[in-house]
Amino acid sequence: SRGSVHVGDRLRYWLDVVASHTTSLESPLLVVCSRRNQTNDETREQLRTTMAAHPFTRAQASALAPLFIESSAENLASTGIVQLREQLLAAARRLSAKREPVPVPWLALHDYVQEQAKERAWVTIGELRDKLRAMCGDDTKWTGDTEVRERVIPYLRRSGAVLLFQRSTVLRELLFVRPQFVVDVVRSVIALPMVSDAARVRMLTDSN
């Protein structure tokens, strides 16, 4: 950490990023902090408080507390490595071993969005639905809105093919197939010189 003042904000940002790649709040997440000897009680408490308050880690904050690793310690037990191994094993045991077969049309959509990523940054949910209809007809079992939003898109997100920002009224119909595009846009706003925090917030709102 470069200081304890904004460490909670930085962790909250990365939790938001990780959460955007998963469809389940039950996905295990380990927060590992290196250079334990450079942190203080205030920093550690801010990290724990942030994890306890964030929707993605709130339910598992007691089981998945932030770990502080000291790589230069001579005693392995004192470095936090042993605790990290224990948490990894505990998280793995909680994961379901169930695996569902992937329908062939979904695999075709996966190939489609990867091909689109070569030429543009996003596709629309309507496009995916049209592609499904072209392959499966009008059978709502395959092309209905519930099927697309609750099964097809989560599969594409888990496979890493698309990013979806569900909380935005403007972006929720777009599936980003080129993550670097999103990174570049956000980076350009954050890096703008001589722009107040309030102005940056306005630039990132739906109305703009």
N, C-alpha and C. Protein backbone atom coordinates (compact mmCIF):
# COMPACT_ATOMS: atom_id res chain seq x y z
N SER A 1 0.84 -1.19 0.00
CA SER A 1 0.00 0.00 0.00
C SER A 1 0.88 1.25 0.00
N ARG A 2 0.43 2.29 -0.71
CA ARG A 2 1.15 3.55 -0.71
C ARG A 2 0.72 4.45 0.44
N GLY A 3 -0.10 3.93 1.29
CA GLY A 3 -0.64 4.71 2.41
C GLY A 3 -1.98 4.15 2.78
N SER A 4 -2.43 4.47 3.96
CA SER A 4 -3.66 3.86 4.46
C SER A 4 -4.90 4.69 4.17
N VAL A 5 -4.76 5.90 3.65
CA VAL A 5 -5.89 6.81 3.52
C VAL A 5 -6.92 6.27 2.53
N HIS A 6 -6.45 5.82 1.36
CA HIS A 6 -7.37 5.40 0.31
C HIS A 6 -7.27 3.91 0.00
N VAL A 7 -6.69 3.13 0.89
CA VAL A 7 -6.51 1.72 0.60
C VAL A 7 -7.85 1.01 0.45
N GLY A 8 -8.86 1.42 1.22
CA GLY A 8 -10.18 0.82 1.10
C GLY A 8 -10.81 1.11 -0.25
N ASP A 9 -10.61 2.33 -0.76
CA ASP A 9 -11.15 2.70 -2.08
C ASP A 9 -10.49 1.87 -3.17
N ARG A 10 -9.19 1.65 -3.05
CA ARG A 10 -8.49 0.86 -4.07
C ARG A 10 -8.98 -0.58 -4.07
N LEU A 11 -9.15 -1.14 -2.88
CA LEU A 11 -9.65 -2.52 -2.80
C LEU A 11 -11.07 -2.60 -3.34
N ARG A 12 -11.91 -1.61 -3.01
CA ARG A 12 -13.29 -1.60 -3.50
C ARG A 12 -13.33 -1.57 -5.02
N TYR A 13 -12.43 -0.81 -5.63
CA TYR A 13 -12.36 -0.75 -7.10
C TYR A 13 -12.06 -2.14 -7.67
N TRP A 14 -11.07 -2.84 -7.12
CA TRP A 14 -10.70 -4.15 -7.66
C TRP A 14 -11.76 -5.20 -7.38
N LEU A 15 -12.46 -5.08 -6.26
CA LEU A 15 -13.57 -5.99 -6.01
C LEU A 15 -14.67 -5.80 -7.05
N ASP A 16 -14.94 -4.54 -7.43
CA ASP A 16 -15.92 -4.26 -8.49
C ASP A 16 -15.48 -4.89 -9.81
N VAL A 17 -14.20 -4.77 -10.12
CA VAL A 17 -13.68 -5.33 -11.37
C VAL A 17 -13.84 -6.85 -11.38
N VAL A 18 -13.45 -7.50 -10.30
CA VAL A 18 -13.56 -8.97 -10.23
C VAL A 18 -15.02 -9.39 -10.30
N ALA A 19 -15.90 -8.66 -9.60
CA ALA A 19 -17.31 -9.01 -9.59
C ALA A 19 -17.93 -8.91 -10.97
N SER A 20 -17.40 -8.02 -11.82
CA SER A 20 -17.96 -7.86 -13.16
C SER A 20 -17.68 -9.07 -14.04
N HIS A 21 -16.76 -9.96 -13.60
CA HIS A 21 -16.41 -11.14 -14.38
C HIS A 21 -17.09 -12.40 -13.89
N THR A 22 -17.93 -12.31 -12.88
CA THR A 22 -18.57 -13.49 -12.34
C THR A 22 -20.07 -13.28 -12.27
N THR A 23 -20.80 -14.38 -12.25
CA THR A 23 -22.26 -14.30 -12.18
C THR A 23 -22.77 -14.71 -10.81
N SER A 24 -21.89 -15.06 -9.91
CA SER A 24 -22.32 -15.54 -8.60
C SER A 24 -21.59 -14.81 -7.49
N LEU A 25 -22.35 -14.34 -6.51
CA LEU A 25 -21.75 -13.70 -5.35
C LEU A 25 -21.10 -14.73 -4.43
N GLU A 26 -21.30 -16.02 -4.74
CA GLU A 26 -20.73 -17.07 -3.91
C GLU A 26 -19.33 -17.49 -4.38
N SER A 27 -18.87 -16.92 -5.48
CA SER A 27 -17.53 -17.26 -5.97
C SER A 27 -16.49 -16.87 -4.93
N PRO A 28 -15.61 -17.80 -4.55
CA PRO A 28 -14.60 -17.47 -3.52
C PRO A 28 -13.58 -16.47 -4.04
N LEU A 29 -13.15 -15.59 -3.18
CA LEU A 29 -12.15 -14.59 -3.55
C LEU A 29 -11.19 -14.41 -2.39
N LEU A 30 -9.90 -14.50 -2.67
CA LEU A 30 -8.87 -14.32 -1.66
C LEU A 30 -8.16 -13.01 -1.90
N VAL A 31 -8.06 -12.19 -0.88
CA VAL A 31 -7.31 -10.94 -0.95
C VAL A 31 -5.99 -11.15 -0.23
N VAL A 32 -4.91 -11.13 -0.99
CA VAL A 32 -3.58 -11.38 -0.43
C VAL A 32 -2.76 -10.09 -0.51
N CYS A 33 -2.27 -9.63 0.63
CA CYS A 33 -1.51 -8.39 0.70
C CYS A 33 -0.06 -8.71 1.02
N SER A 34 0.84 -8.32 0.16
CA SER A 34 2.26 -8.56 0.39
C SER A 34 2.85 -7.44 1.26
N ARG A 35 4.10 -7.64 1.67
CA ARG A 35 4.83 -6.64 2.48
C ARG A 35 4.08 -6.30 3.76
N ARG A 36 3.78 -7.32 4.50
CA ARG A 36 3.02 -7.13 5.73
C ARG A 36 3.71 -6.16 6.68
N ASN A 37 5.04 -6.16 6.67
CA ASN A 37 5.77 -5.30 7.58
C ASN A 37 5.63 -3.82 7.25
N GLN A 38 5.04 -3.51 6.05
CA GLN A 38 4.85 -2.12 5.67
C GLN A 38 3.42 -1.64 5.89
N THR A 39 2.60 -2.48 6.48
CA THR A 39 1.23 -2.09 6.79
C THR A 39 1.09 -1.79 8.27
N ASN A 40 -0.01 -1.15 8.62
CA ASN A 40 -0.27 -0.87 10.03
C ASN A 40 -1.69 -1.31 10.37
N ASP A 41 -2.06 -1.16 11.62
CA ASP A 41 -3.37 -1.62 12.06
C ASP A 41 -4.50 -0.90 11.34
N GLU A 42 -4.30 0.40 11.05
CA GLU A 42 -5.35 1.16 10.36
C GLU A 42 -5.57 0.62 8.95
N THR A 43 -4.48 0.34 8.24
CA THR A 43 -4.59 -0.19 6.88
C THR A 43 -5.32 -1.53 6.88
N ARG A 44 -4.93 -2.40 7.79
CA ARG A 44 -5.54 -3.73 7.84
C ARG A 44 -7.02 -3.65 8.19
N GLU A 45 -7.36 -2.74 9.09
CA GLU A 45 -8.77 -2.60 9.47
C GLU A 45 -9.59 -2.06 8.30
N GLN A 46 -9.03 -1.14 7.51
CA GLN A 46 -9.75 -0.63 6.34
C GLN A 46 -10.01 -1.74 5.33
N LEU A 47 -9.04 -2.62 5.14
CA LEU A 47 -9.23 -3.74 4.21
C LEU A 47 -10.32 -4.68 4.71
N ARG A 48 -10.29 -5.00 5.99
CA ARG A 48 -11.31 -5.89 6.54
C ARG A 48 -12.69 -5.25 6.46
N THR A 49 -12.79 -3.97 6.76
CA THR A 49 -14.07 -3.26 6.71
C THR A 49 -14.62 -3.22 5.29
N THR A 50 -13.73 -2.99 4.33
CA THR A 50 -14.16 -2.94 2.93
C THR A 50 -14.70 -4.29 2.48
N MET A 51 -14.00 -5.37 2.84
CA MET A 51 -14.48 -6.70 2.45
C MET A 51 -15.80 -7.04 3.12
N ALA A 52 -15.97 -6.61 4.37
CA ALA A 52 -17.20 -6.91 5.08
C ALA A 52 -18.39 -6.15 4.51
N ALA A 53 -18.13 -5.00 3.86
CA ALA A 53 -19.22 -4.16 3.35
C ALA A 53 -19.52 -4.41 1.88
N HIS A 54 -18.57 -4.93 1.11
CA HIS A 54 -18.77 -5.08 -0.33
C HIS A 54 -19.69 -6.28 -0.62
N PRO A 55 -20.67 -6.11 -1.54
CA PRO A 55 -21.61 -7.21 -1.83
C PRO A 55 -20.93 -8.50 -2.26
N PHE A 56 -19.80 -8.38 -2.96
CA PHE A 56 -19.14 -9.57 -3.48
C PHE A 56 -18.47 -10.39 -2.40
N THR A 57 -18.01 -9.76 -1.33
CA THR A 57 -17.28 -10.46 -0.29
C THR A 57 -17.97 -10.43 1.07
N ARG A 58 -19.10 -9.73 1.15
CA ARG A 58 -19.77 -9.56 2.45
C ARG A 58 -20.16 -10.91 3.06
N ALA A 59 -20.73 -11.79 2.24
CA ALA A 59 -21.23 -13.07 2.77
C ALA A 59 -20.10 -13.98 3.22
N GLN A 60 -18.92 -13.79 2.66
CA GLN A 60 -17.82 -14.70 2.99
C GLN A 60 -16.66 -13.98 3.68
N ALA A 61 -16.91 -12.75 4.14
CA ALA A 61 -15.83 -11.96 4.73
C ALA A 61 -15.23 -12.63 5.96
N SER A 62 -16.06 -13.30 6.75
CA SER A 62 -15.53 -13.95 7.95
C SER A 62 -14.64 -15.12 7.61
N ALA A 63 -14.99 -15.82 6.51
CA ALA A 63 -14.20 -17.00 6.11
C ALA A 63 -13.01 -16.61 5.26
N LEU A 64 -13.14 -15.51 4.51
CA LEU A 64 -12.09 -15.10 3.59
C LEU A 64 -11.57 -13.72 3.97
N ALA A 65 -10.97 -13.62 5.13
CA ALA A 65 -10.40 -12.35 5.56
C ALA A 65 -9.13 -12.07 4.77
N PRO A 66 -8.74 -10.80 4.62
CA PRO A 66 -7.51 -10.49 3.89
C PRO A 66 -6.30 -11.10 4.57
N LEU A 67 -5.41 -11.66 3.77
CA LEU A 67 -4.19 -12.27 4.28
C LEU A 67 -3.01 -11.34 4.05
N PHE A 68 -2.13 -11.26 5.00
CA PHE A 68 -0.97 -10.39 4.90
C PHE A 68 0.28 -11.25 4.86
N ILE A 69 1.00 -11.19 3.75
CA ILE A 69 2.14 -12.07 3.51
C ILE A 69 3.44 -11.28 3.66
N GLU A 70 4.39 -11.85 4.37
CA GLU A 70 5.71 -11.25 4.49
C GLU A 70 6.73 -12.19 3.85
N SER A 71 7.17 -11.86 2.64
CA SER A 71 8.01 -12.76 1.87
C SER A 71 9.42 -12.89 2.42
N SER A 72 9.84 -11.94 3.25
CA SER A 72 11.22 -11.98 3.74
C SER A 72 11.36 -12.69 5.08
N ALA A 73 10.24 -13.12 5.64
CA ALA A 73 10.30 -13.78 6.95
C ALA A 73 10.98 -15.14 6.81
N GLU A 74 11.78 -15.50 7.79
CA GLU A 74 12.48 -16.78 7.75
C GLU A 74 11.57 -17.93 8.13
N ASN A 75 10.65 -17.68 9.02
CA ASN A 75 9.75 -18.71 9.49
C ASN A 75 8.54 -18.79 8.56
N LEU A 76 8.37 -19.94 7.89
CA LEU A 76 7.28 -20.09 6.92
C LEU A 76 5.92 -19.85 7.55
N ALA A 77 5.74 -20.32 8.77
CA ALA A 77 4.44 -20.18 9.43
C ALA A 77 4.09 -18.72 9.68
N SER A 78 5.12 -17.89 9.87
CA SER A 78 4.85 -16.49 10.18
C SER A 78 4.62 -15.65 8.94
N THR A 79 4.83 -16.20 7.75
CA THR A 79 4.68 -15.41 6.53
C THR A 79 3.24 -15.29 6.08
N GLY A 80 2.38 -16.17 6.56
CA GLY A 80 1.00 -16.19 6.09
C GLY A 80 0.77 -17.20 4.99
N ILE A 81 1.84 -17.86 4.50
CA ILE A 81 1.69 -18.85 3.43
C ILE A 81 0.84 -20.02 3.87
N VAL A 82 1.07 -20.47 5.09
CA VAL A 82 0.30 -21.61 5.61
C VAL A 82 -1.18 -21.26 5.65
N GLN A 83 -1.51 -20.05 6.13
CA GLN A 83 -2.91 -19.62 6.18
C GLN A 83 -3.50 -19.52 4.78
N LEU A 84 -2.70 -19.08 3.82
CA LEU A 84 -3.17 -18.98 2.44
C LEU A 84 -3.51 -20.36 1.90
N ARG A 85 -2.67 -21.32 2.14
CA ARG A 85 -2.94 -22.69 1.69
C ARG A 85 -4.23 -23.21 2.30
N GLU A 86 -4.42 -22.93 3.59
CA GLU A 86 -5.63 -23.40 4.28
C GLU A 86 -6.88 -22.77 3.68
N GLN A 87 -6.81 -21.47 3.37
CA GLN A 87 -7.98 -20.81 2.79
C GLN A 87 -8.26 -21.31 1.38
N LEU A 88 -7.22 -21.58 0.61
CA LEU A 88 -7.41 -22.12 -0.74
C LEU A 88 -8.10 -23.48 -0.68
N LEU A 89 -7.68 -24.33 0.23
CA LEU A 89 -8.30 -25.64 0.38
C LEU A 89 -9.76 -25.51 0.82
N ALA A 90 -10.00 -24.61 1.78
CA ALA A 90 -11.37 -24.42 2.27
C ALA A 90 -12.28 -23.89 1.16
N ALA A 91 -11.77 -22.95 0.35
CA ALA A 91 -12.57 -22.41 -0.75
C ALA A 91 -12.84 -23.48 -1.79
N ALA A 92 -11.84 -24.32 -2.09
CA ALA A 92 -12.01 -25.38 -3.08
C ALA A 92 -13.06 -26.39 -2.64
N ARG A 93 -13.09 -26.69 -1.34
CA ARG A 93 -14.07 -27.66 -0.84
C ARG A 93 -15.50 -27.13 -0.95
N ARG A 94 -15.65 -25.81 -0.92
CA ARG A 94 -17.01 -25.24 -1.00
C ARG A 94 -17.52 -25.16 -2.43
N LEU A 95 -16.62 -25.31 -3.41
CA LEU A 95 -17.05 -25.22 -4.81
C LEU A 95 -17.81 -26.48 -5.21
N SER A 96 -18.83 -26.28 -6.03
CA SER A 96 -19.59 -27.41 -6.53
C SER A 96 -18.80 -28.12 -7.62
N ALA A 97 -18.84 -29.44 -7.58
CA ALA A 97 -18.15 -30.23 -8.61
C ALA A 97 -19.06 -30.50 -9.81
N LYS A 98 -20.28 -30.01 -9.76
CA LYS A 98 -21.24 -30.27 -10.84
C LYS A 98 -20.85 -29.51 -12.10
N ARG A 99 -20.90 -30.18 -13.22
CA ARG A 99 -20.61 -29.55 -14.50
C ARG A 99 -21.74 -29.88 -15.48
N GLU A 100 -22.27 -28.86 -16.15
CA GLU A 100 -23.35 -29.07 -17.11
C GLU A 100 -22.79 -29.05 -18.52
N PRO A 101 -23.35 -29.89 -19.41
CA PRO A 101 -22.90 -29.85 -20.81
C PRO A 101 -23.26 -28.52 -21.45
N VAL A 102 -22.43 -28.04 -22.35
CA VAL A 102 -22.66 -26.76 -23.03
C VAL A 102 -23.38 -27.03 -24.34
N PRO A 103 -24.57 -26.45 -24.57
CA PRO A 103 -25.29 -26.65 -25.83
C PRO A 103 -24.46 -26.16 -27.02
N VAL A 104 -24.60 -26.83 -28.15
CA VAL A 104 -23.85 -26.47 -29.35
C VAL A 104 -24.10 -25.02 -29.78
N PRO A 105 -25.36 -24.50 -29.74
CA PRO A 105 -25.57 -23.10 -30.12
C PRO A 105 -24.78 -22.12 -29.26
N TRP A 106 -24.59 -22.43 -27.99
CA TRP A 106 -23.80 -21.55 -27.13
C TRP A 106 -22.34 -21.51 -27.58
N LEU A 107 -21.83 -22.67 -27.97
CA LEU A 107 -20.45 -22.72 -28.47
C LEU A 107 -20.31 -21.90 -29.74
N ALA A 108 -21.35 -21.95 -30.58
CA ALA A 108 -21.33 -21.15 -31.81
C ALA A 108 -21.35 -19.66 -31.50
N LEU A 109 -22.12 -19.26 -30.47
CA LEU A 109 -22.14 -17.85 -30.06
C LEU A 109 -20.78 -17.43 -29.52
N HIS A 110 -20.15 -18.32 -28.79
CA HIS A 110 -18.82 -18.03 -28.26
C HIS A 110 -17.85 -17.73 -29.41
N ASP A 111 -17.89 -18.56 -30.44
CA ASP A 111 -17.03 -18.34 -31.62
C ASP A 111 -17.40 -17.03 -32.31
N TYR A 112 -18.70 -16.73 -32.34
CA TYR A 112 -19.18 -15.51 -33.02
C TYR A 112 -18.64 -14.26 -32.33
N VAL A 113 -18.74 -14.19 -31.00
CA VAL A 113 -18.29 -12.98 -30.31
C VAL A 113 -16.77 -12.83 -30.38
N GLN A 114 -16.06 -13.95 -30.39
CA GLN A 114 -14.60 -13.86 -30.53
C GLN A 114 -14.22 -13.34 -31.91
N GLU A 115 -14.99 -13.73 -32.91
CA GLU A 115 -14.73 -13.22 -34.26
C GLU A 115 -15.04 -11.73 -34.34
N GLN A 116 -16.14 -11.31 -33.69
CA GLN A 116 -16.50 -9.89 -33.70
C GLN A 116 -15.47 -9.03 -32.99
N ALA A 117 -14.80 -9.60 -32.00
CA ALA A 117 -13.81 -8.85 -31.23
C ALA A 117 -12.64 -8.40 -32.09
N LYS A 118 -12.47 -9.00 -33.24
CA LYS A 118 -11.38 -8.61 -34.13
C LYS A 118 -11.66 -7.27 -34.81
N GLU A 119 -12.95 -6.89 -34.89
CA GLU A 119 -13.33 -5.70 -35.64
C GLU A 119 -14.01 -4.62 -34.79
N ARG A 120 -14.62 -4.98 -33.65
CA ARG A 120 -15.32 -3.98 -32.86
C ARG A 120 -15.26 -4.33 -31.39
N ALA A 121 -15.72 -3.40 -30.56
CA ALA A 121 -15.55 -3.54 -29.12
C ALA A 121 -16.72 -4.22 -28.43
N TRP A 122 -17.91 -4.23 -29.03
CA TRP A 122 -19.07 -4.83 -28.37
C TRP A 122 -20.06 -5.37 -29.38
N VAL A 123 -20.93 -6.24 -28.88
CA VAL A 123 -22.11 -6.69 -29.62
C VAL A 123 -23.31 -6.44 -28.71
N THR A 124 -24.50 -6.46 -29.29
CA THR A 124 -25.69 -6.23 -28.48
C THR A 124 -26.35 -7.56 -28.13
N ILE A 125 -27.12 -7.54 -27.06
CA ILE A 125 -27.85 -8.75 -26.68
C ILE A 125 -28.84 -9.13 -27.78
N GLY A 126 -29.39 -8.12 -28.46
CA GLY A 126 -30.30 -8.40 -29.57
C GLY A 126 -29.62 -9.17 -30.69
N GLU A 127 -28.36 -8.86 -30.96
CA GLU A 127 -27.62 -9.60 -31.98
C GLU A 127 -27.47 -11.07 -31.60
N LEU A 128 -27.16 -11.32 -30.34
CA LEU A 128 -27.03 -12.71 -29.90
C LEU A 128 -28.35 -13.46 -30.04
N ARG A 129 -29.44 -12.77 -29.70
CA ARG A 129 -30.74 -13.41 -29.81
C ARG A 129 -31.06 -13.72 -31.28
N ASP A 130 -30.69 -12.81 -32.18
CA ASP A 130 -30.92 -13.06 -33.61
C ASP A 130 -30.09 -14.23 -34.11
N LYS A 131 -28.85 -14.34 -33.62
CA LYS A 131 -28.00 -15.47 -34.02
C LYS A 131 -28.60 -16.78 -33.52
N LEU A 132 -29.13 -16.77 -32.30
CA LEU A 132 -29.77 -17.98 -31.78
C LEU A 132 -30.99 -18.36 -32.60
N ARG A 133 -31.80 -17.36 -32.98
CA ARG A 133 -32.98 -17.64 -33.79
C ARG A 133 -32.60 -18.20 -35.15
N ALA A 134 -31.50 -17.72 -35.70
CA ALA A 134 -31.05 -18.23 -36.99
C ALA A 134 -30.64 -19.70 -36.90
N MET A 135 -30.15 -20.09 -35.72
CA MET A 135 -29.72 -21.49 -35.54
C MET A 135 -30.84 -22.38 -35.01
N CYS A 136 -31.73 -21.82 -34.18
CA CYS A 136 -32.70 -22.65 -33.45
C CYS A 136 -34.15 -22.35 -33.79
N GLY A 137 -34.40 -21.38 -34.67
CA GLY A 137 -35.77 -21.00 -34.96
C GLY A 137 -36.33 -20.14 -33.85
N ASP A 138 -37.65 -20.13 -33.70
CA ASP A 138 -38.30 -19.28 -32.70
C ASP A 138 -38.63 -20.01 -31.41
N ASP A 139 -37.99 -21.15 -31.20
CA ASP A 139 -38.23 -21.91 -29.98
C ASP A 139 -37.74 -21.10 -28.77
N THR A 140 -38.69 -20.67 -27.92
CA THR A 140 -38.32 -19.83 -26.78
C THR A 140 -37.45 -20.57 -25.77
N LYS A 141 -37.43 -21.89 -25.86
CA LYS A 141 -36.55 -22.65 -24.99
C LYS A 141 -35.10 -22.24 -25.20
N TRP A 142 -34.79 -21.84 -26.46
CA TRP A 142 -33.43 -21.46 -26.80
C TRP A 142 -33.25 -19.96 -26.97
N THR A 143 -34.32 -19.27 -27.38
CA THR A 143 -34.16 -17.87 -27.76
C THR A 143 -34.93 -16.89 -26.89
N GLY A 144 -35.67 -17.37 -25.91
CA GLY A 144 -36.43 -16.48 -25.03
C GLY A 144 -35.53 -15.55 -24.23
N ASP A 145 -36.08 -14.43 -23.80
CA ASP A 145 -35.29 -13.43 -23.08
C ASP A 145 -34.70 -14.01 -21.79
N THR A 146 -35.49 -14.82 -21.08
CA THR A 146 -35.00 -15.43 -19.85
C THR A 146 -33.84 -16.36 -20.13
N GLU A 147 -33.97 -17.18 -21.18
CA GLU A 147 -32.90 -18.11 -21.54
C GLU A 147 -31.61 -17.36 -21.88
N VAL A 148 -31.75 -16.29 -22.66
CA VAL A 148 -30.57 -15.54 -23.10
C VAL A 148 -29.89 -14.86 -21.92
N ARG A 149 -30.67 -14.18 -21.07
CA ARG A 149 -30.09 -13.39 -19.99
C ARG A 149 -29.64 -14.23 -18.79
N GLU A 150 -30.32 -15.32 -18.52
CA GLU A 150 -30.02 -16.08 -17.31
C GLU A 150 -29.15 -17.30 -17.55
N ARG A 151 -28.98 -17.70 -18.83
CA ARG A 151 -28.16 -18.88 -19.08
C ARG A 151 -27.08 -18.63 -20.12
N VAL A 152 -27.46 -18.05 -21.27
CA VAL A 152 -26.49 -17.89 -22.35
C VAL A 152 -25.42 -16.85 -21.97
N ILE A 153 -25.88 -15.66 -21.56
CA ILE A 153 -24.92 -14.60 -21.23
C ILE A 153 -24.04 -14.98 -20.04
N PRO A 154 -24.59 -15.57 -18.96
CA PRO A 154 -23.71 -16.02 -17.88
C PRO A 154 -22.64 -17.00 -18.36
N TYR A 155 -23.00 -17.89 -19.30
CA TYR A 155 -21.99 -18.81 -19.85
C TYR A 155 -20.89 -18.04 -20.56
N LEU A 156 -21.28 -17.06 -21.38
CA LEU A 156 -20.29 -16.28 -22.11
C LEU A 156 -19.41 -15.48 -21.15
N ARG A 157 -19.99 -15.01 -20.06
CA ARG A 157 -19.19 -14.27 -19.07
C ARG A 157 -18.22 -15.19 -18.36
N ARG A 158 -18.69 -16.36 -17.95
CA ARG A 158 -17.80 -17.31 -17.25
C ARG A 158 -16.65 -17.75 -18.14
N SER A 159 -16.91 -17.85 -19.44
CA SER A 159 -15.86 -18.29 -20.36
C SER A 159 -14.89 -17.17 -20.69
N GLY A 160 -15.20 -15.93 -20.23
CA GLY A 160 -14.33 -14.81 -20.49
C GLY A 160 -14.52 -14.16 -21.84
N ALA A 161 -15.61 -14.51 -22.54
CA ALA A 161 -15.82 -13.99 -23.90
C ALA A 161 -16.41 -12.59 -23.89
N VAL A 162 -17.19 -12.24 -22.85
CA VAL A 162 -17.86 -10.94 -22.83
C VAL A 162 -17.80 -10.33 -21.44
N LEU A 163 -17.95 -9.00 -21.41
CA LEU A 163 -18.14 -8.25 -20.16
C LEU A 163 -19.51 -7.59 -20.23
N LEU A 164 -20.24 -7.61 -19.12
CA LEU A 164 -21.57 -7.01 -19.06
C LEU A 164 -21.67 -6.13 -17.83
N PHE A 165 -22.13 -4.89 -18.02
CA PHE A 165 -22.31 -3.96 -16.92
C PHE A 165 -23.81 -3.82 -16.66
N GLN A 166 -24.35 -4.69 -15.81
CA GLN A 166 -25.79 -4.78 -15.60
C GLN A 166 -26.36 -3.58 -14.86
N ARG A 167 -25.56 -2.91 -14.06
CA ARG A 167 -26.10 -1.82 -13.24
C ARG A 167 -26.31 -0.54 -14.04
N SER A 168 -25.75 -0.45 -15.23
CA SER A 168 -25.88 0.75 -16.04
C SER A 168 -27.07 0.63 -16.98
N THR A 169 -27.98 1.61 -16.93
CA THR A 169 -29.14 1.58 -17.81
C THR A 169 -28.75 1.78 -19.27
N VAL A 170 -27.59 2.39 -19.49
CA VAL A 170 -27.13 2.63 -20.86
C VAL A 170 -26.38 1.42 -21.41
N LEU A 171 -25.59 0.77 -20.57
CA LEU A 171 -24.69 -0.29 -21.06
C LEU A 171 -25.25 -1.70 -20.91
N ARG A 172 -26.35 -1.87 -20.23
CA ARG A 172 -26.81 -3.22 -19.91
C ARG A 172 -27.22 -4.03 -21.14
N GLU A 173 -27.43 -3.39 -22.28
CA GLU A 173 -27.77 -4.12 -23.50
C GLU A 173 -26.54 -4.41 -24.36
N LEU A 174 -25.38 -3.99 -23.88
CA LEU A 174 -24.14 -4.19 -24.65
C LEU A 174 -23.28 -5.25 -23.98
N LEU A 175 -22.69 -6.10 -24.81
CA LEU A 175 -21.74 -7.10 -24.34
C LEU A 175 -20.38 -6.74 -24.91
N PHE A 176 -19.46 -6.35 -24.04
CA PHE A 176 -18.15 -5.93 -24.51
C PHE A 176 -17.29 -7.16 -24.80
N VAL A 177 -16.82 -7.25 -26.03
CA VAL A 177 -16.04 -8.41 -26.46
C VAL A 177 -14.55 -8.07 -26.54
N ARG A 178 -14.23 -6.81 -26.29
CA ARG A 178 -12.83 -6.38 -26.27
C ARG A 178 -12.59 -5.61 -24.98
N PRO A 179 -12.21 -6.31 -23.90
CA PRO A 179 -12.05 -5.65 -22.59
C PRO A 179 -11.08 -4.48 -22.60
N GLN A 180 -10.07 -4.52 -23.45
CA GLN A 180 -9.10 -3.43 -23.47
C GLN A 180 -9.75 -2.12 -23.85
N PHE A 181 -10.83 -2.17 -24.63
CA PHE A 181 -11.56 -0.96 -24.99
C PHE A 181 -12.10 -0.27 -23.73
N VAL A 182 -12.70 -1.06 -22.81
CA VAL A 182 -13.24 -0.52 -21.57
C VAL A 182 -12.11 0.05 -20.72
N VAL A 183 -11.01 -0.68 -20.64
CA VAL A 183 -9.86 -0.21 -19.86
C VAL A 183 -9.36 1.13 -20.38
N ASP A 184 -9.25 1.27 -21.70
CA ASP A 184 -8.74 2.51 -22.30
C ASP A 184 -9.66 3.68 -22.02
N VAL A 185 -10.98 3.44 -22.09
CA VAL A 185 -11.94 4.52 -21.84
C VAL A 185 -11.84 5.00 -20.39
N VAL A 186 -11.87 4.05 -19.45
CA VAL A 186 -11.80 4.41 -18.03
C VAL A 186 -10.47 5.07 -17.71
N ARG A 187 -9.40 4.55 -18.29
CA ARG A 187 -8.07 5.11 -18.02
C ARG A 187 -7.97 6.55 -18.52
N SER A 188 -8.56 6.82 -19.68
CA SER A 188 -8.48 8.17 -20.23
C SER A 188 -9.22 9.17 -19.36
N VAL A 189 -10.34 8.74 -18.75
CA VAL A 189 -11.09 9.64 -17.88
C VAL A 189 -10.34 9.87 -16.58
N ILE A 190 -9.84 8.78 -15.98
CA ILE A 190 -9.13 8.90 -14.70
C ILE A 190 -7.87 9.73 -14.84
N ALA A 191 -7.21 9.62 -16.00
CA ALA A 191 -5.92 10.27 -16.19
C ALA A 191 -6.02 11.70 -16.68
N LEU A 192 -7.25 12.19 -16.93
CA LEU A 192 -7.37 13.56 -17.42
C LEU A 192 -6.81 14.55 -16.40
N PRO A 193 -5.86 15.39 -16.80
CA PRO A 193 -5.29 16.35 -15.85
C PRO A 193 -6.24 17.51 -15.57
N MET A 194 -6.10 18.09 -14.41
CA MET A 194 -6.82 19.31 -14.04
C MET A 194 -8.33 19.13 -14.09
N VAL A 195 -8.80 17.93 -13.81
CA VAL A 195 -10.24 17.68 -13.77
C VAL A 195 -10.61 17.29 -12.35
N SER A 196 -11.58 17.95 -11.78
CA SER A 196 -11.96 17.68 -10.41
C SER A 196 -12.64 16.32 -10.30
N ASP A 197 -12.67 15.78 -9.09
CA ASP A 197 -13.33 14.50 -8.88
C ASP A 197 -14.81 14.57 -9.25
N ALA A 198 -15.45 15.69 -8.94
CA ALA A 198 -16.88 15.84 -9.26
C ALA A 198 -17.09 15.81 -10.77
N ALA A 199 -16.18 16.44 -11.51
CA ALA A 199 -16.31 16.46 -12.97
C ALA A 199 -16.13 15.06 -13.54
N ARG A 200 -15.21 14.29 -12.97
CA ARG A 200 -14.99 12.93 -13.45
C ARG A 200 -16.21 12.06 -13.20
N VAL A 201 -16.84 12.25 -12.05
CA VAL A 201 -18.06 11.49 -11.75
C VAL A 201 -19.14 11.82 -12.78
N ARG A 202 -19.28 13.10 -13.10
CA ARG A 202 -20.29 13.48 -14.09
C ARG A 202 -19.98 12.86 -15.45
N MET A 203 -18.71 12.77 -15.79
CA MET A 203 -18.32 12.22 -17.10
C MET A 203 -18.65 10.74 -17.19
N LEU A 204 -18.72 10.05 -16.04
CA LEU A 204 -18.96 8.61 -16.04
C LEU A 204 -20.41 8.22 -15.78
N THR A 205 -21.28 9.22 -15.61
CA THR A 205 -22.68 8.90 -15.35
C THR A 205 -23.39 8.52 -16.63
N ASP A 206 -24.52 7.83 -16.48
CA ASP A 206 -25.30 7.39 -17.64
C ASP A 206 -25.76 8.55 -18.50
N SER A 207 -26.07 9.68 -17.85
CA SER A 207 -26.63 10.81 -18.59
C SER A 207 -25.61 11.43 -19.53
N ASN A 208 -24.33 11.09 -19.36
CA ASN A 208 -23.30 11.63 -20.22
C ASN A 208 -22.70 10.57 -21.13
